[in-house]
Amino acid sequence: MIGLYGFVTKLLVSGNFQFKQGEIDLLGSPMAILSMRTLKQMNDDATRHGPESLNDLYFEGWVFGYTFTKRLADAFNLKKFEERYKVVMEIAAMIGFGDFKTVEFYPGFAKYNVFSNPFALQYPKGSGLVDHLLRGMNAGGSTVVHERIMNCIEFECCAETRTQCQFISASNENLSKMVKPDFVRSQIDLDYIIPKQMALLKELGIDSDWYLKLSNDSSLTASSPKPPV
């Protein structure tokens, strides 16, 4: 927790976290405080409307995770993979979805646990895997950290365990190697999600084709020379 408080202090002192009249500014972007009860209602509504709405909710989390983490990486000039990962895990604990602890990570893959997730703990035991928005946030942030399109799968949830959630974020290739296709499809429709992710990256001026190529081929790295145009 000392690291977390130090990081928040750094944001405040640097002017990257400001409370203005009628506005919260974090990393140059206006933010808002929403209760977990509000997010639960959004989650319940999406669940009631079916898989497409759940995929949309996941993507909305992905948009937040990507754009927020991109601003963070730019603000602190985080060039190295390890630097980006360390800072992102520090700020993840600040957002209020539980205490993030890394189990394993390398380019294109991360496994981590989230303890005492207050969102999932709103649900009664036996509610299943409920963290659709958080999975998207995790995946969007991971896309910045790993510099390739990443998506996130939940294996354990506080709504079941009452203690921890367990996630992996992975590139397309690593997802296909490590997770059964039916289990991936039960949480993400990649045929629906990836074009939306590509469109957002293009909108933001990112080479989305290269991000997708990196995601599909673990032999490539972000520092690999790009093919000639």
C-alpha atoms as a PDB file:
ATOM      1  CA  MET A   1       0.000   0.000   0.000  1.00  0.00           C
ATOM      2  CA  ILE A   2       2.964   2.371   0.517  1.00  0.00           C
ATOM      3  CA  GLY A   3       3.654   2.137  -3.197  1.00  0.00           C
ATOM      4  CA  LEU A   4       0.029   2.959  -3.984  1.00  0.00           C
ATOM      5  CA  TYR A   5      -0.016   6.050  -1.752  1.00  0.00           C
ATOM      6  CA  GLY A   6       3.303   7.165  -3.201  1.00  0.00           C
ATOM      7  CA  PHE A   7       1.943   6.784  -6.704  1.00  0.00           C
ATOM      8  CA  VAL A   8      -1.183   8.823  -5.922  1.00  0.00           C
ATOM      9  CA  THR A   9       1.020  11.512  -4.363  1.00  0.00           C
ATOM     10  CA  LYS A  10       3.124  11.557  -7.530  1.00  0.00           C
ATOM     11  CA  LEU A  11      -0.007  12.066  -9.629  1.00  0.00           C
ATOM     12  CA  LEU A  12      -1.155  14.946  -7.404  1.00  0.00           C
ATOM     13  CA  VAL A  13       2.228  16.692  -7.220  1.00  0.00           C
ATOM     14  CA  SER A  14       2.773  16.399 -10.975  1.00  0.00           C
ATOM     15  CA  GLY A  15      -0.633  17.938 -11.670  1.00  0.00           C
ATOM     16  CA  ASN A  16      -1.871  14.758 -13.357  1.00  0.00           C
ATOM     17  CA  PHE A  17      -4.641  14.335 -10.767  1.00  0.00           C
ATOM     18  CA  GLN A  18      -6.720  17.456 -10.035  1.00  0.00           C
ATOM     19  CA  PHE A  19     -10.020  18.221  -8.355  1.00  0.00           C
ATOM     20  CA  LYS A  20     -11.590  21.235 -10.031  1.00  0.00           C
ATOM     21  CA  GLN A  21     -14.944  22.948  -9.575  1.00  0.00           C
ATOM     22  CA  GLY A  22     -17.395  20.391 -10.951  1.00  0.00           C
ATOM     23  CA  GLU A  23     -14.701  18.208 -12.487  1.00  0.00           C
ATOM     24  CA  ILE A  24     -12.184  15.515 -11.637  1.00  0.00           C
ATOM     25  CA  ASP A  25      -9.214  15.586 -14.023  1.00  0.00           C
ATOM     26  CA  LEU A  26      -6.993  12.519 -14.192  1.00  0.00           C
ATOM     27  CA  LEU A  27      -4.186  12.439 -16.753  1.00  0.00           C
ATOM     28  CA  GLY A  28      -5.778  15.265 -18.710  1.00  0.00           C
ATOM     29  CA  SER A  29      -9.158  13.596 -19.062  1.00  0.00           C
ATOM     30  CA  PRO A  30     -12.385  14.326 -17.152  1.00  0.00           C
ATOM     31  CA  MET A  31     -13.450  11.482 -14.888  1.00  0.00           C
ATOM     32  CA  ALA A  32     -16.520  10.708 -12.782  1.00  0.00           C
ATOM     33  CA  ILE A  33     -17.198   8.669  -9.667  1.00  0.00           C
ATOM     34  CA  LEU A  34     -19.811   5.949 -10.124  1.00  0.00           C
ATOM     35  CA  SER A  35     -20.992   3.654  -7.353  1.00  0.00           C
ATOM     36  CA  MET A  36     -20.579  -0.103  -7.579  1.00  0.00           C
ATOM     37  CA  ARG A  37     -24.359  -0.314  -7.296  1.00  0.00           C
ATOM     38  CA  THR A  38     -24.646   1.670 -10.542  1.00  0.00           C
ATOM     39  CA  LEU A  39     -22.141  -0.604 -12.276  1.00  0.00           C
ATOM     40  CA  LYS A  40     -24.003  -3.644 -10.972  1.00  0.00           C
ATOM     41  CA  GLN A  41     -27.208  -2.332 -12.546  1.00  0.00           C
ATOM     42  CA  MET A  42     -25.395  -1.890 -15.864  1.00  0.00           C
ATOM     43  CA  ASN A  43     -24.063  -5.447 -15.553  1.00  0.00           C
ATOM     44  CA  ASP A  44     -27.489  -6.857 -14.669  1.00  0.00           C
ATOM     45  CA  ASP A  45     -29.125  -5.053 -17.607  1.00  0.00           C
ATOM     46  CA  ALA A  46     -26.494  -6.348 -20.037  1.00  0.00           C
ATOM     47  CA  THR A  47     -26.878  -9.889 -18.668  1.00  0.00           C
ATOM     48  CA  ARG A  48     -30.640  -9.719 -19.118  1.00  0.00           C
ATOM     49  CA  HIS A  49     -30.274  -8.583 -22.747  1.00  0.00           C
ATOM     50  CA  GLY A  50     -27.947 -11.438 -23.657  1.00  0.00           C
ATOM     51  CA  PRO A  51     -24.500 -12.169 -25.135  1.00  0.00           C
ATOM     52  CA  GLU A  52     -24.288  -9.202 -27.517  1.00  0.00           C
ATOM     53  CA  SER A  53     -24.961  -6.727 -24.710  1.00  0.00           C
ATOM     54  CA  LEU A  54     -22.381  -8.478 -22.498  1.00  0.00           C
ATOM     55  CA  ASN A  55     -19.831  -8.199 -25.309  1.00  0.00           C
ATOM     56  CA  ASP A  56     -20.673  -4.510 -25.651  1.00  0.00           C
ATOM     57  CA  LEU A  57     -20.171  -4.018 -21.907  1.00  0.00           C
ATOM     58  CA  TYR A  58     -16.833  -5.832 -22.143  1.00  0.00           C
ATOM     59  CA  PHE A  59     -15.786  -3.575 -25.019  1.00  0.00           C
ATOM     60  CA  GLU A  60     -16.825  -0.459 -23.099  1.00  0.00           C
ATOM     61  CA  GLY A  61     -14.461  -1.610 -20.350  1.00  0.00           C
ATOM     62  CA  TRP A  62     -11.784  -2.206 -22.997  1.00  0.00           C
ATOM     63  CA  VAL A  63     -12.165   1.371 -24.253  1.00  0.00           C
ATOM     64  CA  PHE A  64     -11.660   2.715 -20.722  1.00  0.00           C
ATOM     65  CA  GLY A  65      -8.725   0.404 -20.017  1.00  0.00           C
ATOM     66  CA  TYR A  66      -6.958   1.251 -23.270  1.00  0.00           C
ATOM     67  CA  THR A  67      -7.466   5.022 -23.330  1.00  0.00           C
ATOM     68  CA  PHE A  68      -6.729   5.479 -19.623  1.00  0.00           C
ATOM     69  CA  THR A  69      -3.583   3.338 -19.711  1.00  0.00           C
ATOM     70  CA  LYS A  70      -2.369   5.037 -22.910  1.00  0.00           C
ATOM     71  CA  ARG A  71      -2.627   8.443 -21.229  1.00  0.00           C
ATOM     72  CA  LEU A  72      -0.798   7.028 -18.207  1.00  0.00           C
ATOM     73  CA  ALA A  73       2.041   5.597 -20.317  1.00  0.00           C
ATOM     74  CA  ASP A  74       2.384   8.867 -22.219  1.00  0.00           C
ATOM     75  CA  ALA A  75       2.265  11.045 -19.081  1.00  0.00           C
ATOM     76  CA  PHE A  76       5.076   9.096 -17.389  1.00  0.00           C
ATOM     77  CA  ASN A  77       6.988   8.288 -20.594  1.00  0.00           C
ATOM     78  CA  LEU A  78       6.830   4.548 -19.915  1.00  0.00           C
ATOM     79  CA  LYS A  79       8.864   3.026 -22.724  1.00  0.00           C
ATOM     80  CA  LYS A  80       9.797  -0.373 -21.284  1.00  0.00           C
ATOM     81  CA  PHE A  81       7.360  -3.269 -20.973  1.00  0.00           C
ATOM     82  CA  GLU A  82       8.268  -3.925 -17.328  1.00  0.00           C
ATOM     83  CA  GLU A  83       7.801  -0.235 -16.424  1.00  0.00           C
ATOM     84  CA  ARG A  84       4.372  -0.121 -18.005  1.00  0.00           C
ATOM     85  CA  TYR A  85       3.300  -3.331 -16.287  1.00  0.00           C
ATOM     86  CA  LYS A  86       4.492  -2.211 -12.830  1.00  0.00           C
ATOM     87  CA  VAL A  87       2.788   1.197 -12.995  1.00  0.00           C
ATOM     88  CA  VAL A  88      -0.449  -0.177 -14.434  1.00  0.00           C
ATOM     89  CA  MET A  89      -0.711  -2.768 -11.652  1.00  0.00           C
ATOM     90  CA  GLU A  90      -0.142   0.009  -9.097  1.00  0.00           C
ATOM     91  CA  ILE A  91      -2.918   2.156 -10.496  1.00  0.00           C
ATOM     92  CA  ALA A  92      -5.266  -0.824 -10.913  1.00  0.00           C
ATOM     93  CA  ALA A  93      -5.495  -1.021  -7.114  1.00  0.00           C
ATOM     94  CA  MET A  94      -6.407   2.682  -7.032  1.00  0.00           C
ATOM     95  CA  ILE A  95      -9.475   2.309  -9.247  1.00  0.00           C
ATOM     96  CA  GLY A  96     -11.411   0.353  -6.628  1.00  0.00           C
ATOM     97  CA  PHE A  97     -11.945  -3.135  -8.080  1.00  0.00           C
ATOM     98  CA  GLY A  98      -9.838  -4.947  -5.491  1.00  0.00           C
ATOM     99  CA  ASP A  99      -6.168  -5.633  -4.796  1.00  0.00           C
ATOM    100  CA  PHE A 100      -4.313  -6.871  -7.905  1.00  0.00           C
ATOM    101  CA  LYS A 101      -1.465  -9.363  -7.449  1.00  0.00           C
ATOM    102  CA  THR A 102       0.589 -10.734 -10.342  1.00  0.00           C
ATOM    103  CA  VAL A 103       1.103 -14.495 -10.635  1.00  0.00           C
ATOM    104  CA  GLU A 104       3.003 -14.560 -13.962  1.00  0.00           C
ATOM    105  CA  PHE A 105       3.628 -12.178 -16.824  1.00  0.00           C
ATOM    106  CA  TYR A 106       5.630 -11.890 -20.037  1.00  0.00           C
ATOM    107  CA  PRO A 107       4.971 -10.166 -23.382  1.00  0.00           C
ATOM    108  CA  GLY A 108       1.610 -11.407 -24.651  1.00  0.00           C
ATOM    109  CA  PHE A 109       0.479 -12.994 -21.368  1.00  0.00           C
ATOM    110  CA  ALA A 110      -0.360 -12.076 -17.779  1.00  0.00           C
ATOM    111  CA  LYS A 111      -1.994 -14.072 -15.003  1.00  0.00           C
ATOM    112  CA  TYR A 112      -3.150 -12.255 -11.882  1.00  0.00           C
ATOM    113  CA  ASN A 113      -5.460 -12.521  -8.913  1.00  0.00           C
ATOM    114  CA  VAL A 114      -7.743  -9.783  -7.593  1.00  0.00           C
ATOM    115  CA  PHE A 115      -8.528 -10.010  -3.879  1.00  0.00           C
ATOM    116  CA  SER A 116     -11.725  -8.705  -2.244  1.00  0.00           C
ATOM    117  CA  ASN A 117     -13.238  -7.352  -5.466  1.00  0.00           C
ATOM    118  CA  PRO A 118     -16.044  -5.097  -4.135  1.00  0.00           C
ATOM    119  CA  PHE A 119     -17.991  -5.274  -7.398  1.00  0.00           C
ATOM    120  CA  ALA A 120     -18.233  -9.074  -7.456  1.00  0.00           C
ATOM    121  CA  LEU A 121     -18.944  -9.195  -3.718  1.00  0.00           C
ATOM    122  CA  GLN A 122     -22.234  -7.382  -4.333  1.00  0.00           C
ATOM    123  CA  TYR A 123     -23.518 -10.644  -5.818  1.00  0.00           C
ATOM    124  CA  PRO A 124     -24.665 -13.600  -3.706  1.00  0.00           C
ATOM    125  CA  LYS A 125     -22.456 -16.676  -3.616  1.00  0.00           C
ATOM    126  CA  GLY A 126     -23.157 -18.879  -6.607  1.00  0.00           C
ATOM    127  CA  SER A 127     -23.686 -16.032  -9.098  1.00  0.00           C
ATOM    128  CA  GLY A 128     -20.936 -17.252 -11.417  1.00  0.00           C
ATOM    129  CA  LEU A 129     -18.362 -15.165 -13.311  1.00  0.00           C
ATOM    130  CA  VAL A 130     -19.745 -11.619 -13.246  1.00  0.00           C
ATOM    131  CA  ASP A 131     -16.771  -9.333 -14.060  1.00  0.00           C
ATOM    132  CA  HIS A 132     -17.566  -8.497 -17.690  1.00  0.00           C
ATOM    133  CA  LEU A 133     -16.701  -4.797 -17.425  1.00  0.00           C
ATOM    134  CA  LEU A 134     -13.549  -5.462 -15.397  1.00  0.00           C
ATOM    135  CA  ARG A 135     -12.374  -8.096 -17.879  1.00  0.00           C
ATOM    136  CA  GLY A 136     -12.640  -5.468 -20.595  1.00  0.00           C
ATOM    137  CA  MET A 137     -10.753  -2.902 -18.511  1.00  0.00           C
ATOM    138  CA  ASN A 138      -8.022  -5.466 -17.841  1.00  0.00           C
ATOM    139  CA  ALA A 139      -7.741  -6.320 -21.524  1.00  0.00           C
ATOM    140  CA  GLY A 140      -7.671  -2.711 -22.703  1.00  0.00           C
ATOM    141  CA  GLY A 141      -4.922  -1.814 -20.238  1.00  0.00           C
ATOM    142  CA  SER A 142      -2.998  -4.937 -21.212  1.00  0.00           C
ATOM    143  CA  THR A 143      -3.145  -3.912 -24.876  1.00  0.00           C
ATOM    144  CA  VAL A 144      -1.134  -0.783 -24.035  1.00  0.00           C
ATOM    145  CA  VAL A 145       1.274  -2.640 -21.749  1.00  0.00           C
ATOM    146  CA  HIS A 146       1.956  -5.517 -24.159  1.00  0.00           C
ATOM    147  CA  GLU A 147       1.668  -3.426 -27.350  1.00  0.00           C
ATOM    148  CA  ARG A 148      -0.576  -5.970 -29.048  1.00  0.00           C
ATOM    149  CA  ILE A 149      -4.301  -6.715 -29.003  1.00  0.00           C
ATOM    150  CA  MET A 150      -5.064  -8.482 -25.732  1.00  0.00           C
ATOM    151  CA  ASN A 151      -8.238  -9.972 -24.312  1.00  0.00           C
ATOM    152  CA  CYS A 152      -9.117 -11.197 -20.841  1.00  0.00           C
ATOM    153  CA  ILE A 153     -10.722 -14.348 -19.440  1.00  0.00           C
ATOM    154  CA  GLU A 154     -11.953 -14.857 -15.870  1.00  0.00           C
ATOM    155  CA  PHE A 155     -11.446 -18.272 -14.245  1.00  0.00           C
ATOM    156  CA  GLU A 156     -12.466 -17.584 -10.643  1.00  0.00           C
ATOM    157  CA  CYS A 157     -14.711 -14.860  -9.267  1.00  0.00           C
ATOM    158  CA  CYS A 158     -15.299 -13.365  -5.832  1.00  0.00           C
ATOM    159  CA  ALA A 159     -18.985 -13.902  -6.527  1.00  0.00           C
ATOM    160  CA  GLU A 160     -18.138 -17.599  -6.087  1.00  0.00           C
ATOM    161  CA  THR A 161     -15.015 -17.788  -3.932  1.00  0.00           C
ATOM    162  CA  ARG A 162     -15.797 -14.747  -1.702  1.00  0.00           C
ATOM    163  CA  THR A 163     -12.023 -14.111  -1.558  1.00  0.00           C
ATOM    164  CA  GLN A 164     -10.493 -13.674  -4.998  1.00  0.00           C
ATOM    165  CA  CYS A 165     -10.954 -13.464  -8.742  1.00  0.00           C
ATOM    166  CA  GLN A 166      -8.433 -14.954 -11.153  1.00  0.00           C
ATOM    167  CA  PHE A 167      -7.821 -13.635 -14.665  1.00  0.00           C
ATOM    168  CA  ILE A 168      -5.502 -14.053 -17.588  1.00  0.00           C
ATOM    169  CA  SER A 169      -4.937 -11.416 -20.240  1.00  0.00           C
ATOM    170  CA  ALA A 170      -3.454 -12.847 -23.413  1.00  0.00           C
ATOM    171  CA  SER A 171      -2.744 -12.248 -27.064  1.00  0.00           C
ATOM    172  CA  ASN A 172      -4.863 -14.102 -29.611  1.00  0.00           C
ATOM    173  CA  GLU A 173      -2.180 -16.759 -30.074  1.00  0.00           C
ATOM    174  CA  ASN A 174      -1.738 -17.359 -26.344  1.00  0.00           C
ATOM    175  CA  LEU A 175      -5.500 -17.475 -25.787  1.00  0.00           C
ATOM    176  CA  SER A 176      -5.825 -20.181 -28.431  1.00  0.00           C
ATOM    177  CA  LYS A 177      -2.988 -22.179 -26.844  1.00  0.00           C
ATOM    178  CA  MET A 178      -4.013 -21.875 -23.203  1.00  0.00           C
ATOM    179  CA  VAL A 179      -7.794 -21.711 -23.043  1.00  0.00           C
ATOM    180  CA  LYS A 180     -10.364 -24.055 -24.546  1.00  0.00           C
ATOM    181  CA  PRO A 181     -12.209 -22.353 -27.426  1.00  0.00           C
ATOM    182  CA  ASP A 182     -15.630 -23.023 -25.897  1.00  0.00           C
ATOM    183  CA  PHE A 183     -14.579 -21.340 -22.652  1.00  0.00           C
ATOM    184  CA  VAL A 184     -13.269 -18.297 -24.545  1.00  0.00           C
ATOM    185  CA  ARG A 185     -16.529 -18.085 -26.521  1.00  0.00           C
ATOM    186  CA  SER A 186     -18.553 -18.253 -23.301  1.00  0.00           C
ATOM    187  CA  GLN A 187     -16.986 -14.908 -22.303  1.00  0.00           C
ATOM    188  CA  ILE A 188     -15.918 -13.130 -25.514  1.00  0.00           C
ATOM    189  CA  ASP A 189     -17.061 -13.211 -29.120  1.00  0.00           C
ATOM    190  CA  LEU A 190     -13.672 -12.430 -30.669  1.00  0.00           C
ATOM    191  CA  ASP A 191     -15.158 -12.175 -34.183  1.00  0.00           C
ATOM    192  CA  TYR A 192     -17.341  -9.348 -32.857  1.00  0.00           C
ATOM    193  CA  ILE A 193     -14.853  -7.719 -30.457  1.00  0.00           C
ATOM    194  CA  ILE A 194     -11.599  -7.622 -32.443  1.00  0.00           C
ATOM    195  CA  PRO A 195     -12.953  -5.451 -35.313  1.00  0.00           C
ATOM    196  CA  LYS A 196     -14.235  -2.981 -32.706  1.00  0.00           C
ATOM    197  CA  GLN A 197     -10.824  -2.956 -31.022  1.00  0.00           C
ATOM    198  CA  MET A 198      -9.117  -2.448 -34.380  1.00  0.00           C
ATOM    199  CA  ALA A 199     -11.459   0.437 -35.214  1.00  0.00           C
ATOM    200  CA  LEU A 200     -10.700   2.217 -31.936  1.00  0.00           C
ATOM    201  CA  LEU A 201      -6.943   1.832 -32.400  1.00  0.00           C
ATOM    202  CA  LYS A 202      -7.197   3.267 -35.919  1.00  0.00           C
ATOM    203  CA  GLU A 203      -9.288   6.161 -34.608  1.00  0.00           C
ATOM    204  CA  LEU A 204      -6.529   6.927 -32.102  1.00  0.00           C
ATOM    205  CA  GLY A 205      -3.791   6.783 -34.742  1.00  0.00           C
ATOM    206  CA  ILE A 206      -2.358   3.407 -33.679  1.00  0.00           C
ATOM    207  CA  ASP A 207      -1.169   0.890 -36.263  1.00  0.00           C
ATOM    208  CA  SER A 208      -3.951  -1.604 -35.553  1.00  0.00           C
ATOM    209  CA  ASP A 209      -2.824  -4.051 -38.245  1.00  0.00           C
ATOM    210  CA  TRP A 210       0.591  -4.324 -36.574  1.00  0.00           C
ATOM    211  CA  TYR A 211      -1.015  -4.747 -33.124  1.00  0.00           C
ATOM    212  CA  LEU A 212      -3.125  -7.588 -34.515  1.00  0.00           C
ATOM    213  CA  LYS A 213      -0.122  -9.201 -36.209  1.00  0.00           C
ATOM    214  CA  LEU A 214       1.807  -9.124 -32.923  1.00  0.00           C
ATOM    215  CA  SER A 215      -1.188 -10.641 -31.156  1.00  0.00           C
ATOM    216  CA  ASN A 216      -1.334 -13.501 -33.627  1.00  0.00           C
ATOM    217  CA  ASP A 217       2.401 -14.328 -33.719  1.00  0.00           C
ATOM    218  CA  SER A 218       4.368 -14.628 -30.473  1.00  0.00           C
ATOM    219  CA  SER A 219       7.664 -14.793 -32.395  1.00  0.00           C
ATOM    220  CA  LEU A 220       7.239 -11.086 -33.142  1.00  0.00           C
ATOM    221  CA  THR A 221       7.869  -8.342 -30.597  1.00  0.00           C
ATOM    222  CA  ALA A 222       6.929  -4.681 -30.502  1.00  0.00           C
ATOM    223  CA  SER A 223      10.557  -3.861 -31.399  1.00  0.00           C
ATOM    224  CA  SER A 224      10.539  -6.135 -34.451  1.00  0.00           C
ATOM    225  CA  PRO A 225      10.952  -4.201 -37.702  1.00  0.00           C
ATOM    226  CA  LYS A 226       7.645  -3.565 -39.373  1.00  0.00           C
ATOM    227  CA  PRO A 227       7.192  -4.913 -42.893  1.00  0.00           C
ATOM    228  CA  PRO A 228       7.704  -2.352 -45.671  1.00  0.00           C
ATOM    229  CA  VAL A 229       4.582  -0.418 -46.611  1.00  0.00           C
END
